[in-house]
Amino acid sequence: MMSKIKLDGYKWNHKRVYRLYCEMELNKRVKPKKRLPARNAVALVQPIKSNVCWSIDFMCDVLSNGRRFRTLNIIDDYNREAILIKPGMSLPATCVTKFIDQVASTRGYPNIIRVDNGPEFISNIFKKWADQNNIFIQYIQPGKPAQNSFIERFNRTYREDILDMYIFENIREVSEITNKWVRFYNSERPHESLGNRTPSGYALAGGA
């Protein structure tokens, strides 16, 4: 005999209960959190020349139609130069490594890349790529964004100046406005942390 469940005066068989269970998406498998290896705290030190350490991070925003997009942000810790801001609807590890390769084709690879523990950065694809290019990955400790404060400060400026100031229709528009801002940021906007010089001016002066 089919088992039944009595609820508020109604008799429900197991098939109906299971159907409602699925419709409410209660049957979704909960993925266990991936255990991360222990990360050591490393003092954030400004390099004495370019291409020693790059900081990389992602940001998120939405287009006017509600679709979410991300930006891959890369800066040089030496002079806070915005090396790259690449918007995209999806930026998996393969795209991240491809864009870094494109940048490195003209300026070379850094010795160190500082990142958080996002899935793109802890993936085998990213780790293998870094090893092939003799790049040491400096992971910050989970929940410690201050350990990546150079790019966290950069992200805040980019959000205030661009992401919060514009309503974007498409990714092409994000790219066009962002690229103009990057040129301004690197060549015209003074930085208090660089002695009120621009990233370009600081590099020309040799950091002096």
Protein backbone atom coordinates (compact mmCIF):
# COMPACT_ATOMS: atom_id res chain seq x y z
CA MET A 1 0.00 0.00 0.00
CA MET A 2 1.29 3.45 -0.95
CA SER A 3 2.44 5.43 2.05
CA LYS A 4 0.74 8.76 2.65
CA ILE A 5 1.49 11.85 4.68
CA LYS A 6 -1.32 13.66 6.43
CA LEU A 7 -0.86 17.44 6.40
CA ASP A 8 -3.55 19.93 7.50
CA GLY A 9 -6.28 17.40 6.80
CA TYR A 10 -4.91 16.38 3.36
CA LYS A 11 -3.37 13.05 2.49
CA TRP A 12 -0.28 13.43 0.30
CA ASN A 13 1.52 10.46 -1.21
CA HIS A 14 5.28 10.37 -1.45
CA LYS A 15 5.33 11.22 -5.18
CA ARG A 16 3.47 14.49 -4.64
CA VAL A 17 5.73 15.40 -1.74
CA TYR A 18 8.80 14.69 -3.86
CA ARG A 19 7.43 16.73 -6.79
CA LEU A 20 6.88 19.76 -4.56
CA TYR A 21 10.27 19.16 -3.00
CA CYS A 22 11.86 19.42 -6.46
CA GLU A 23 9.75 22.42 -7.54
CA MET A 24 10.99 24.29 -4.48
CA GLU A 25 14.53 23.37 -5.56
CA LEU A 26 15.20 21.69 -2.24
CA ASN A 27 16.86 18.82 -4.09
CA LYS A 28 19.83 20.94 -5.11
CA ARG A 29 23.10 19.30 -4.19
CA VAL A 30 25.10 21.41 -1.77
CA LYS A 31 28.69 21.51 -2.91
CA PRO A 32 31.09 21.22 0.01
CA LYS A 33 33.47 24.10 0.44
CA LYS A 34 36.87 23.44 -1.02
CA ARG A 35 39.48 23.32 1.68
CA LEU A 36 42.28 25.77 1.00
CA PRO A 37 45.87 25.17 2.04
CA ALA A 38 47.22 27.35 4.82
CA ARG A 39 48.29 30.78 3.59
CA ASN A 40 51.02 32.76 5.23
CA ALA A 41 50.70 36.48 5.86
CA VAL A 42 53.26 38.36 3.77
CA ALA A 43 54.07 42.01 4.38
CA LEU A 44 52.87 44.28 1.58
CA VAL A 45 56.03 45.99 0.32
CA GLN A 46 56.32 48.36 -2.62
CA PRO A 47 58.83 46.96 -5.14
CA ILE A 48 61.80 49.10 -6.17
CA LYS A 49 61.20 48.53 -9.89
CA SER A 50 58.43 47.52 -12.27
CA ASN A 51 57.47 43.95 -13.16
CA VAL A 52 58.50 42.57 -9.78
CA CYS A 53 54.97 42.06 -8.48
CA TRP A 54 51.56 42.50 -10.09
CA SER A 55 48.32 42.46 -8.12
CA ILE A 56 45.28 40.95 -9.81
CA ASP A 57 41.62 40.98 -8.79
CA PHE A 58 38.08 40.81 -10.17
CA MET A 59 35.22 43.27 -9.86
CA CYS A 60 31.51 42.84 -10.65
CA ASP A 61 28.80 45.15 -11.97
CA VAL A 62 25.64 45.03 -14.11
CA LEU A 63 24.61 46.28 -17.53
CA SER A 64 21.45 48.31 -18.06
CA ASN A 65 19.56 45.09 -18.94
CA GLY A 66 20.45 43.55 -15.59
CA ARG A 67 23.10 41.14 -16.93
CA ARG A 68 26.12 40.86 -14.69
CA PHE A 69 29.64 41.36 -15.97
CA ARG A 70 33.10 41.21 -14.45
CA THR A 71 36.35 43.04 -14.92
CA LEU A 72 39.83 41.57 -14.62
CA ASN A 73 42.02 44.25 -13.03
CA ILE A 74 45.83 44.13 -13.07
CA ILE A 75 48.20 46.69 -11.60
CA ASP A 76 51.95 46.92 -11.08
CA ASP A 77 52.66 47.33 -7.37
CA TYR A 78 55.76 49.41 -8.11
CA ASN A 79 53.96 52.53 -9.39
CA ARG A 80 50.29 51.45 -9.18
CA GLU A 81 50.11 51.50 -12.96
CA ALA A 82 46.89 50.10 -14.36
CA ILE A 83 48.30 47.41 -16.62
CA LEU A 84 44.94 46.06 -17.72
CA ILE A 85 41.22 46.26 -17.03
CA LYS A 86 39.42 43.67 -19.13
CA PRO A 87 35.59 43.50 -18.94
CA GLY A 88 33.74 40.32 -19.85
CA MET A 89 30.61 38.33 -19.18
CA SER A 90 32.77 35.35 -18.22
CA LEU A 91 36.44 35.38 -17.29
CA PRO A 92 37.60 31.83 -16.52
CA ALA A 93 41.21 30.92 -15.80
CA THR A 94 41.95 30.28 -19.49
CA CYS A 95 40.91 33.86 -20.33
CA VAL A 96 42.89 35.27 -17.41
CA THR A 97 46.11 33.59 -18.54
CA LYS A 98 45.49 34.59 -22.17
CA PHE A 99 45.09 38.26 -21.28
CA ILE A 100 48.19 38.23 -19.08
CA ASP A 101 50.14 36.62 -21.94
CA GLN A 102 49.02 39.44 -24.24
CA VAL A 103 50.25 42.06 -21.78
CA ALA A 104 53.50 40.18 -21.14
CA SER A 105 54.26 40.03 -24.87
CA THR A 106 55.22 43.73 -24.71
CA ARG A 107 56.42 44.21 -21.14
CA GLY A 108 57.47 40.77 -19.93
CA TYR A 109 56.15 38.63 -17.08
CA PRO A 110 56.36 39.66 -13.42
CA ASN A 111 58.29 37.68 -10.85
CA ILE A 112 55.28 37.51 -8.52
CA ILE A 113 51.52 37.73 -8.91
CA ARG A 114 49.51 38.55 -5.79
CA VAL A 115 45.92 37.23 -5.80
CA ASP A 116 43.13 36.12 -3.50
CA ASN A 117 41.79 32.56 -3.34
CA GLY A 118 39.18 32.87 -6.08
CA PRO A 119 38.44 29.74 -8.17
CA GLU A 120 40.24 31.14 -11.22
CA PHE A 121 43.45 31.65 -9.26
CA ILE A 122 43.52 28.35 -7.38
CA SER A 123 42.72 26.34 -10.51
CA ASN A 124 45.27 23.90 -11.90
CA ILE A 125 45.18 25.81 -15.19
CA PHE A 126 46.39 29.01 -13.54
CA LYS A 127 48.97 27.26 -11.36
CA LYS A 128 50.42 25.32 -14.29
CA TRP A 129 50.57 28.45 -16.43
CA ALA A 130 52.40 30.36 -13.66
CA ASP A 131 54.89 27.52 -13.23
CA GLN A 132 55.58 27.43 -16.98
CA ASN A 133 56.34 31.17 -16.94
CA ASN A 134 58.41 31.09 -13.73
CA ILE A 135 55.91 33.20 -11.82
CA PHE A 136 55.45 32.78 -8.09
CA ILE A 137 51.80 33.07 -6.99
CA GLN A 138 51.47 34.94 -3.72
CA TYR A 139 48.07 34.03 -2.26
CA ILE A 140 46.68 36.28 0.45
CA GLN A 141 45.01 34.72 3.47
CA PRO A 142 41.25 34.13 3.08
CA GLY A 143 39.22 37.00 4.48
CA LYS A 144 42.25 39.32 4.57
CA PRO A 145 41.78 41.78 1.66
CA ALA A 146 44.14 44.24 3.37
CA GLN A 147 46.97 41.92 2.32
CA ASN A 148 46.17 42.96 -1.25
CA SER A 149 45.51 46.61 -0.41
CA PHE A 150 47.27 48.11 -3.46
CA ILE A 151 44.66 46.73 -5.82
CA GLU A 152 41.83 47.05 -3.30
CA ARG A 153 42.52 50.81 -3.26
CA PHE A 154 42.69 50.81 -7.07
CA ASN A 155 39.38 48.95 -7.30
CA ARG A 156 37.69 51.52 -5.09
CA THR A 157 38.90 54.35 -7.32
CA TYR A 158 37.77 52.54 -10.47
CA ARG A 159 34.34 51.88 -9.00
CA GLU A 160 33.86 55.48 -7.87
CA ASP A 161 35.11 56.99 -11.13
CA ILE A 162 33.61 54.56 -13.65
CA LEU A 163 31.37 51.72 -12.48
CA ASP A 164 29.24 53.90 -10.20
CA MET A 165 29.17 56.84 -12.62
CA TYR A 166 27.86 55.17 -15.80
CA ILE A 167 24.98 52.99 -16.91
CA PHE A 168 26.44 50.64 -19.51
CA GLU A 169 24.48 49.23 -22.43
CA ASN A 170 27.01 46.56 -23.40
CA ILE A 171 30.52 45.26 -22.79
CA ARG A 172 31.96 47.27 -25.69
CA GLU A 173 30.83 50.46 -23.99
CA VAL A 174 32.43 49.33 -20.71
CA SER A 175 35.71 48.71 -22.56
CA GLU A 176 35.72 52.05 -24.39
CA ILE A 177 35.02 54.16 -21.30
CA THR A 178 37.40 52.10 -19.16
CA ASN A 179 40.28 52.37 -21.65
CA LYS A 180 40.00 56.16 -21.70
CA TRP A 181 39.99 56.22 -17.92
CA VAL A 182 43.08 53.96 -17.73
CA ARG A 183 45.04 56.40 -19.88
CA PHE A 184 43.95 59.26 -17.62
CA TYR A 185 44.71 57.27 -14.47
CA ASN A 186 48.23 56.35 -15.59
CA SER A 187 49.27 59.67 -17.13
CA GLU A 188 47.27 62.49 -15.54
CA ARG A 189 45.89 61.50 -12.15
CA PRO A 190 48.37 62.20 -9.30
CA HIS A 191 48.67 59.71 -6.44
CA GLU A 192 49.36 60.81 -2.91
CA SER A 193 51.14 57.51 -2.22
CA LEU A 194 53.53 58.29 -5.11
CA GLY A 195 54.42 61.76 -3.88
CA ASN A 196 51.55 63.33 -5.85
CA ARG A 197 52.93 61.99 -9.11
CA THR A 198 51.19 59.93 -11.75
CA PRO A 199 52.19 56.29 -12.24
CA SER A 200 53.94 57.30 -15.48
CA GLY A 201 55.70 60.22 -13.80
CA TYR A 202 56.81 58.07 -10.89
CA ALA A 203 58.31 55.48 -13.24
CA LEU A 204 60.12 58.16 -15.29
CA ALA A 205 61.64 59.55 -12.12
CA GLY A 206 62.85 56.08 -11.20
CA GLY A 207 60.76 56.10 -8.05
CA ALA A 208 62.85 58.86 -6.56
